[in-house]
PDB file of N, CA and C in Angstrom:
ATOM      1  N   MET A   1       0.827  -1.080   0.093  1.00  0.00           N
ATOM      2  CA  MET A   1       0.082   0.074   0.018  1.00  0.00           C
ATOM      3  C   MET A   1       0.865   1.159  -0.040  1.00  0.00           C
ATOM      4  N   TYR A   2       1.965   1.272   0.780  1.00  0.00           N
ATOM      5  CA  TYR A   2       2.777   2.349   0.827  1.00  0.00           C
ATOM      6  C   TYR A   2       3.558   2.684  -0.519  1.00  0.00           C
ATOM      7  N   ARG A   3       3.655   1.739  -1.427  1.00  0.00           N
ATOM      8  CA  ARG A   3       4.117   1.952  -2.766  1.00  0.00           C
ATOM      9  C   ARG A   3       3.159   2.729  -3.648  1.00  0.00           C
ATOM     10  N   LEU A   4       2.066   2.994  -3.219  1.00  0.00           N
ATOM     11  CA  LEU A   4       1.029   3.641  -4.064  1.00  0.00           C
ATOM     12  C   LEU A   4       1.067   5.278  -3.609  1.00  0.00           C
ATOM     13  N   LEU A   5       1.608   5.514  -2.526  1.00  0.00           N
ATOM     14  CA  LEU A   5       1.643   6.762  -2.009  1.00  0.00           C
ATOM     15  C   LEU A   5       2.152   7.716  -3.077  1.00  0.00           C
ATOM     16  N   PRO A   6       3.233   7.774  -3.664  1.00  0.00           N
ATOM     17  CA  PRO A   6       3.772   8.649  -4.479  1.00  0.00           C
ATOM     18  C   PRO A   6       3.108   8.678  -5.734  1.00  0.00           C
ATOM     19  N   PHE A   7       2.354   7.709  -6.174  1.00  0.00           N
ATOM     20  CA  PHE A   7       1.471   7.760  -7.275  1.00  0.00           C
ATOM     21  C   PHE A   7       0.272   8.531  -6.952  1.00  0.00           C
ATOM     22  N   LEU A   8      -0.312   8.294  -5.816  1.00  0.00           N
ATOM     23  CA  LEU A   8      -1.384   9.206  -5.354  1.00  0.00           C
ATOM     24  C   LEU A   8      -1.156  10.517  -5.137  1.00  0.00           C
ATOM     25  N   PHE A   9      -0.065  10.873  -4.450  1.00  0.00           N
ATOM     26  CA  PHE A   9       0.365  12.307  -4.420  1.00  0.00           C
ATOM     27  C   PHE A   9       0.560  13.037  -5.939  1.00  0.00           C
ATOM     28  N   LEU A  10       1.098  12.295  -6.954  1.00  0.00           N
ATOM     29  CA  LEU A  10       1.200  12.810  -8.180  1.00  0.00           C
ATOM     30  C   LEU A  10      -0.119  12.923  -8.825  1.00  0.00           C
ATOM     31  N   LEU A  11      -1.105  12.116  -8.627  1.00  0.00           N
ATOM     32  CA  LEU A  11      -2.407  12.290  -9.158  1.00  0.00           C
ATOM     33  C   LEU A  11      -3.181  13.526  -8.656  1.00  0.00           C
ATOM     34  N   ALA A  12      -2.698  13.694  -7.222  1.00  0.00           N
ATOM     35  CA  ALA A  12      -3.482  14.662  -6.524  1.00  0.00           C
ATOM     36  C   ALA A  12      -2.990  16.146  -7.032  1.00  0.00           C
ATOM     37  N   ILE A  13      -1.768  16.249  -7.473  1.00  0.00           N
ATOM     38  CA  ILE A  13      -1.435  17.614  -8.035  1.00  0.00           C
ATOM     39  C   ILE A  13      -1.342  17.729  -9.388  1.00  0.00           C
ATOM     40  N   SER A  14      -1.652  16.680 -10.309  1.00  0.00           N
ATOM     41  CA  SER A  14      -1.701  16.897 -11.690  1.00  0.00           C
ATOM     42  C   SER A  14      -2.935  17.438 -12.057  1.00  0.00           C
ATOM     43  N   PRO A  15      -2.911  18.258 -13.211  1.00  0.00           N
ATOM     44  CA  PRO A  15      -4.098  18.822 -13.686  1.00  0.00           C
ATOM     45  C   PRO A  15      -5.070  17.794 -14.403  1.00  0.00           C
ATOM     46  N   GLU A  16      -6.332  17.929 -14.227  1.00  0.00           N
ATOM     47  CA  GLU A  16      -7.270  16.973 -14.883  1.00  0.00           C
ATOM     48  C   GLU A  16      -7.273  15.593 -14.406  1.00  0.00           C
ATOM     49  N   SER A  17      -6.742  15.193 -13.118  1.00  0.00           N
ATOM     50  CA  SER A  17      -6.610  13.863 -12.789  1.00  0.00           C
ATOM     51  C   SER A  17      -7.885  13.191 -12.659  1.00  0.00           C
ATOM     52  N   ASP A  18      -8.911  14.051 -12.151  1.00  0.00           N
ATOM     53  CA  ASP A  18     -10.081  13.290 -11.892  1.00  0.00           C
ATOM     54  C   ASP A  18     -10.728  12.749 -13.178  1.00  0.00           C
ATOM     55  N   LYS A  19     -10.513  13.786 -14.212  1.00  0.00           N
ATOM     56  CA  LYS A  19     -11.024  13.247 -15.585  1.00  0.00           C
ATOM     57  C   LYS A  19     -10.232  11.938 -16.095  1.00  0.00           C
ATOM     58  N   LYS A  20      -9.073  11.921 -15.964  1.00  0.00           N
ATOM     59  CA  LYS A  20      -8.199  10.858 -16.225  1.00  0.00           C
ATOM     60  C   LYS A  20      -8.662   9.583 -15.451  1.00  0.00           C
ATOM     61  N   MET A  21      -8.807   9.643 -14.337  1.00  0.00           N
ATOM     62  CA  MET A  21      -9.218   8.715 -13.416  1.00  0.00           C
ATOM     63  C   MET A  21     -10.437   8.050 -13.865  1.00  0.00           C
ATOM     64  N   GLU A  22     -11.566   8.998 -14.150  1.00  0.00           N
ATOM     65  CA  GLU A  22     -12.841   8.565 -14.503  1.00  0.00           C
ATOM     66  C   GLU A  22     -12.668   7.750 -15.877  1.00  0.00           C
ATOM     67  N   ASN A  23     -11.947   8.153 -16.890  1.00  0.00           N
ATOM     68  CA  ASN A  23     -11.523   7.235 -18.027  1.00  0.00           C
ATOM     69  C   ASN A  23     -11.029   6.079 -17.666  1.00  0.00           C
ATOM     70  N   PHE A  24     -10.125   6.093 -16.914  1.00  0.00           N
ATOM     71  CA  PHE A  24      -9.394   4.787 -16.470  1.00  0.00           C
ATOM     72  C   PHE A  24     -10.433   3.831 -15.846  1.00  0.00           C
ATOM     73  N   ASN A  25     -11.195   4.370 -14.892  1.00  0.00           N
ATOM     74  CA  ASN A  25     -12.278   3.453 -14.335  1.00  0.00           C
ATOM     75  C   ASN A  25     -13.202   3.017 -15.357  1.00  0.00           C
ATOM     76  N   SER A  26     -13.566   3.758 -16.247  1.00  0.00           N
ATOM     77  CA  SER A  26     -14.468   3.269 -17.376  1.00  0.00           C
ATOM     78  C   SER A  26     -13.764   2.170 -18.120  1.00  0.00           C
ATOM     79  N   PHE A  27     -12.565   2.292 -18.424  1.00  0.00           N
ATOM     80  CA  PHE A  27     -11.807   1.267 -19.118  1.00  0.00           C
ATOM     81  C   PHE A  27     -11.870   0.064 -18.221  1.00  0.00           C
ATOM     82  N   ILE A  28     -11.387   0.160 -16.903  1.00  0.00           N
ATOM     83  CA  ILE A  28     -11.566  -1.086 -15.976  1.00  0.00           C
ATOM     84  C   ILE A  28     -12.765  -1.647 -15.903  1.00  0.00           C
ATOM     85  N   MET A  29     -13.835  -1.037 -15.769  1.00  0.00           N
ATOM     86  CA  MET A  29     -15.214  -1.534 -15.739  1.00  0.00           C
ATOM     87  C   MET A  29     -15.581  -2.383 -17.112  1.00  0.00           C
ATOM     88  N   ALA A  30     -15.243  -1.708 -18.263  1.00  0.00           N
ATOM     89  CA  ALA A  30     -15.461  -2.404 -19.500  1.00  0.00           C
ATOM     90  C   ALA A  30     -14.642  -3.767 -19.636  1.00  0.00           C
ATOM     91  N   THR A  31     -13.399  -3.660 -19.151  1.00  0.00           N
ATOM     92  CA  THR A  31     -12.643  -4.882 -19.153  1.00  0.00           C
ATOM     93  C   THR A  31     -13.071  -5.910 -18.226  1.00  0.00           C
ATOM     94  N   LYS A  32     -13.603  -5.581 -17.017  1.00  0.00           N
ATOM     95  CA  LYS A  32     -14.162  -6.599 -16.126  1.00  0.00           C
ATOM     96  C   LYS A  32     -15.377  -7.109 -16.615  1.00  0.00           C
ATOM     97  N   GLU A  33     -16.153  -6.438 -17.397  1.00  0.00           N
ATOM     98  CA  GLU A  33     -17.519  -6.907 -18.012  1.00  0.00           C
ATOM     99  C   GLU A  33     -17.162  -7.748 -18.955  1.00  0.00           C
ATOM    100  N   SER A  34     -16.066  -7.451 -19.861  1.00  0.00           N
ATOM    101  CA  SER A  34     -15.846  -8.426 -21.079  1.00  0.00           C
ATOM    102  C   SER A  34     -15.285  -9.688 -20.548  1.00  0.00           C
ATOM    103  N   VAL A  35     -14.297  -9.701 -19.487  1.00  0.00           N
ATOM    104  CA  VAL A  35     -13.788 -10.817 -18.872  1.00  0.00           C
ATOM    105  C   VAL A  35     -14.947 -11.834 -18.279  1.00  0.00           C
ATOM    106  N   ALA A  36     -15.801 -11.051 -17.602  1.00  0.00           N
ATOM    107  CA  ALA A  36     -16.958 -11.850 -17.032  1.00  0.00           C
ATOM    108  C   ALA A  36     -17.965 -12.494 -18.128  1.00  0.00           C
ATOM    109  N   SER A  37     -18.221 -11.803 -19.255  1.00  0.00           N
ATOM    110  CA  SER A  37     -18.846 -12.314 -20.323  1.00  0.00           C
ATOM    111  C   SER A  37     -18.137 -13.379 -20.977  1.00  0.00           C
ATOM    112  N   ILE A  38     -16.800 -13.290 -21.274  1.00  0.00           N
ATOM    113  CA  ILE A  38     -16.026 -14.339 -21.921  1.00  0.00           C
ATOM    114  C   ILE A  38     -16.023 -15.571 -20.879  1.00  0.00           C
ATOM    115  N   LYS A  39     -15.962 -15.236 -19.606  1.00  0.00           N
ATOM    116  CA  LYS A  39     -15.793 -16.511 -18.742  1.00  0.00           C
ATOM    117  C   LYS A  39     -17.247 -17.222 -18.709  1.00  0.00           C
ATOM    118  N   ASN A  40     -18.306 -16.580 -18.771  1.00  0.00           N
ATOM    119  CA  ASN A  40     -19.630 -17.062 -18.702  1.00  0.00           C
ATOM    120  C   ASN A  40     -19.866 -17.914 -20.112  1.00  0.00           C
ATOM    121  N   GLY A  41     -19.399 -17.398 -21.121  1.00  0.00           N
ATOM    122  CA  GLY A  41     -19.536 -18.018 -22.563  1.00  0.00           C
ATOM    123  C   GLY A  41     -18.762 -19.274 -22.543  1.00  0.00           C
ATOM    124  N   LEU A  42     -17.564 -19.371 -21.984  1.00  0.00           N
ATOM    125  CA  LEU A  42     -16.578 -20.610 -21.807  1.00  0.00           C
ATOM    126  C   LEU A  42     -17.366 -21.530 -20.997  1.00  0.00           C
ATOM    127  N   GLU A  43     -18.008 -21.188 -19.742  1.00  0.00           N
ATOM    128  CA  GLU A  43     -18.640 -22.099 -18.921  1.00  0.00           C
ATOM    129  C   GLU A  43     -19.773 -22.671 -19.567  1.00  0.00           C
ATOM    130  N   ASN A  44     -20.554 -21.879 -20.192  1.00  0.00           N
ATOM    131  CA  ASN A  44     -21.716 -22.442 -21.110  1.00  0.00           C
ATOM    132  C   ASN A  44     -21.290 -23.400 -22.134  1.00  0.00           C
ATOM    133  N   PHE A  45     -20.251 -23.015 -22.756  1.00  0.00           N
ATOM    134  CA  PHE A  45     -19.780 -23.919 -23.887  1.00  0.00           C
ATOM    135  C   PHE A  45     -19.496 -25.388 -23.271  1.00  0.00           C
ATOM    136  N   HIS A  46     -18.608 -25.204 -22.154  1.00  0.00           N
ATOM    137  CA  HIS A  46     -18.053 -26.493 -21.550  1.00  0.00           C
ATOM    138  C   HIS A  46     -19.289 -27.222 -20.977  1.00  0.00           C
ATOM    139  N   SER A  47     -20.174 -26.453 -20.390  1.00  0.00           N
ATOM    140  CA  SER A  47     -21.403 -27.381 -19.784  1.00  0.00           C
ATOM    141  C   SER A  47     -22.132 -28.024 -20.889  1.00  0.00           C
ATOM    142  N   ALA A  48     -22.141 -27.335 -22.124  1.00  0.00           N
ATOM    143  CA  ALA A  48     -23.031 -27.997 -23.187  1.00  0.00           C
ATOM    144  C   ALA A  48     -22.007 -29.072 -23.969  1.00  0.00           C
ATOM    145  N   ALA A  49     -20.726 -28.837 -23.961  1.00  0.00           N
ATOM    146  CA  ALA A  49     -19.741 -29.737 -24.780  1.00  0.00           C
ATOM    147  C   ALA A  49     -19.585 -31.074 -23.965  1.00  0.00           C
ATOM    148  N   VAL A  50     -19.654 -31.058 -22.696  1.00  0.00           N
ATOM    149  CA  VAL A  50     -19.047 -32.257 -21.967  1.00  0.00           C
ATOM    150  C   VAL A  50     -20.190 -33.429 -22.170  1.00  0.00           C
ATOM    151  N   PRO A  51     -21.423 -32.981 -22.031  1.00  0.00           N
ATOM    152  CA  PRO A  51     -22.421 -34.102 -22.072  1.00  0.00           C
ATOM    153  C   PRO A  51     -22.539 -34.567 -23.474  1.00  0.00           C
ATOM    154  N   LEU A  52     -22.257 -33.693 -24.446  1.00  0.00           N
ATOM    155  CA  LEU A  52     -22.473 -34.126 -25.782  1.00  0.00           C
ATOM    156  C   LEU A  52     -21.150 -34.972 -26.110  1.00  0.00           C
ATOM    157  N   MET A  53     -19.968 -34.709 -25.725  1.00  0.00           N
ATOM    158  CA  MET A  53     -18.774 -35.642 -26.147  1.00  0.00           C
ATOM    159  C   MET A  53     -19.053 -37.008 -25.199  1.00  0.00           C
ATOM    160  N   LYS A  54     -19.487 -36.878 -23.977  1.00  0.00           N
ATOM    161  CA  LYS A  54     -19.916 -38.201 -23.270  1.00  0.00           C
ATOM    162  C   LYS A  54     -20.849 -39.048 -24.070  1.00  0.00           C
ATOM    163  N   SER A  55     -21.969 -38.473 -24.596  1.00  0.00           N
ATOM    164  CA  SER A  55     -22.748 -39.258 -25.273  1.00  0.00           C
ATOM    165  C   SER A  55     -22.321 -39.723 -26.591  1.00  0.00           C
ATOM    166  N   PHE A  56     -21.303 -38.914 -27.371  1.00  0.00           N
ATOM    167  CA  PHE A  56     -20.592 -39.646 -28.319  1.00  0.00           C
ATOM    168  C   PHE A  56     -19.829 -40.749 -28.109  1.00  0.00           C
ATOM    169  N   SER A  57     -19.163 -40.545 -26.957  1.00  0.00           N
ATOM    170  CA  SER A  57     -18.194 -41.732 -26.708  1.00  0.00           C
ATOM    171  C   SER A  57     -19.016 -43.035 -26.378  1.00  0.00           C
ATOM    172  N   SER A  58     -20.157 -42.792 -25.630  1.00  0.00           N
ATOM    173  CA  SER A  58     -20.761 -43.976 -25.201  1.00  0.00           C
ATOM    174  C   SER A  58     -21.538 -44.559 -26.330  1.00  0.00           C
ATOM    175  N   GLY A  59     -21.615 -43.954 -27.547  1.00  0.00           N
ATOM    176  CA  GLY A  59     -22.286 -44.574 -28.714  1.00  0.00           C
ATOM    177  C   GLY A  59     -23.810 -44.183 -28.662  1.00  0.00           C
ATOM    178  N   LYS A  60     -24.268 -43.025 -28.170  1.00  0.00           N
ATOM    179  CA  LYS A  60     -25.716 -42.627 -28.122  1.00  0.00           C
ATOM    180  C   LYS A  60     -25.612 -41.258 -28.987  1.00  0.00           C
ATOM    181  N   THR A  61     -25.211 -41.634 -30.341  1.00  0.00           N
ATOM    182  CA  THR A  61     -25.161 -40.331 -31.233  1.00  0.00           C
ATOM    183  C   THR A  61     -26.564 -39.985 -31.681  1.00  0.00           C
ATOM    184  N   GLY A  62     -27.554 -40.773 -31.651  1.00  0.00           N
ATOM    185  CA  GLY A  62     -28.815 -40.483 -32.011  1.00  0.00           C
ATOM    186  C   GLY A  62     -29.503 -39.756 -30.942  1.00  0.00           C
ATOM    187  N   GLN A  63     -29.357 -39.820 -29.849  1.00  0.00           N
ATOM    188  CA  GLN A  63     -30.004 -39.299 -28.771  1.00  0.00           C
ATOM    189  C   GLN A  63     -29.270 -37.933 -28.674  1.00  0.00           C
ATOM    190  N   ALA A  64     -27.985 -37.863 -28.806  1.00  0.00           N
ATOM    191  CA  ALA A  64     -27.333 -36.502 -28.728  1.00  0.00           C
ATOM    192  C   ALA A  64     -27.724 -35.592 -29.842  1.00  0.00           C
ATOM    193  N   ALA A  65     -28.028 -36.169 -30.982  1.00  0.00           N
ATOM    194  CA  ALA A  65     -28.512 -35.260 -32.088  1.00  0.00           C
ATOM    195  C   ALA A  65     -29.901 -34.842 -31.938  1.00  0.00           C
ATOM    196  N   GLY A  66     -30.563 -35.290 -30.983  1.00  0.00           N
ATOM    197  CA  GLY A  66     -31.864 -34.814 -30.713  1.00  0.00           C
ATOM    198  C   GLY A  66     -33.139 -35.789 -31.165  1.00  0.00           C
ATOM    199  N   ARG A  67     -32.659 -36.892 -31.741  1.00  0.00           N
ATOM    200  CA  ARG A  67     -33.567 -37.938 -32.113  1.00  0.00           C
ATOM    201  C   ARG A  67     -33.871 -38.877 -30.841  1.00  0.00           C
ATOM    202  N   PRO A  68     -35.164 -39.363 -30.900  1.00  0.00           N
ATOM    203  CA  PRO A  68     -35.240 -40.473 -29.731  1.00  0.00           C
ATOM    204  C   PRO A  68     -34.498 -41.669 -29.785  1.00  0.00           C
ATOM    205  N   PRO A  69     -34.326 -42.294 -28.662  1.00  0.00           N
ATOM    206  CA  PRO A  69     -33.530 -43.584 -28.750  1.00  0.00           C
ATOM    207  C   PRO A  69     -34.272 -44.659 -29.558  1.00  0.00           C
ATOM    208  N   GLY A  70     -33.368 -45.230 -30.405  1.00  0.00           N
ATOM    209  CA  GLY A  70     -33.982 -46.268 -31.123  1.00  0.00           C
ATOM    210  C   GLY A  70     -34.152 -45.743 -32.614  1.00  0.00           C
ATOM    211  N   ASP A  71     -34.262 -44.465 -32.898  1.00  0.00           N
ATOM    212  CA  ASP A  71     -34.535 -43.999 -34.204  1.00  0.00           C
ATOM    213  C   ASP A  71     -33.488 -44.198 -35.167  1.00  0.00           C
ATOM    214  N   GLU A  72     -32.350 -44.730 -34.776  1.00  0.00           N
ATOM    215  CA  GLU A  72     -31.196 -44.992 -35.769  1.00  0.00           C
ATOM    216  C   GLU A  72     -31.660 -46.084 -36.762  1.00  0.00           C
ATOM    217  N   GLU A  73     -32.397 -46.846 -36.338  1.00  0.00           N
ATOM    218  CA  GLU A  73     -32.685 -48.141 -37.227  1.00  0.00           C
ATOM    219  C   GLU A  73     -33.938 -47.450 -38.224  1.00  0.00           C
ATOM    220  N   ASN A  74     -34.752 -46.566 -37.830  1.00  0.00           N
ATOM    221  CA  ASN A  74     -35.730 -46.071 -38.799  1.00  0.00           C
ATOM    222  C   ASN A  74     -35.096 -45.116 -39.916  1.00  0.00           C
ATOM    223  N   ASN A  75     -33.789 -44.612 -39.715  1.00  0.00           N
ATOM    224  CA  ASN A  75     -33.224 -43.814 -40.447  1.00  0.00           C
ATOM    225  C   ASN A  75     -32.424 -44.473 -41.505  1.00  0.00           C
ATOM    226  N   SER A  76     -32.297 -45.874 -41.384  1.00  0.00           N
ATOM    227  CA  SER A  76     -31.400 -46.743 -42.421  1.00  0.00           C
ATOM    228  C   SER A  76     -32.161 -47.079 -43.784  1.00  0.00           C
ATOM    229  N   ARG A  77     -33.219 -46.498 -44.076  1.00  0.00           N
ATOM    230  CA  ARG A  77     -34.153 -46.726 -45.159  1.00  0.00           C
ATOM    231  C   ARG A  77     -33.336 -46.823 -46.395  1.00  0.00           C
TER     232      ARG A  77
END
């Protein structure tokens, strides 16, 4: 914390530091929201991909594609 004191004093005496800090805060908030959105998207993708891959590995490809079980035989016409 003490390492920030010189930086804080410089901000206190520099002109338009309030405006610069508002811009910096806006940038930080936008970055935080972007990271949260990307993280949420990756978690959603992971939660959807894992059951799909498990069903592919267990041989239930028809059920994974949205078809009812046993429908593979009806599609071999």
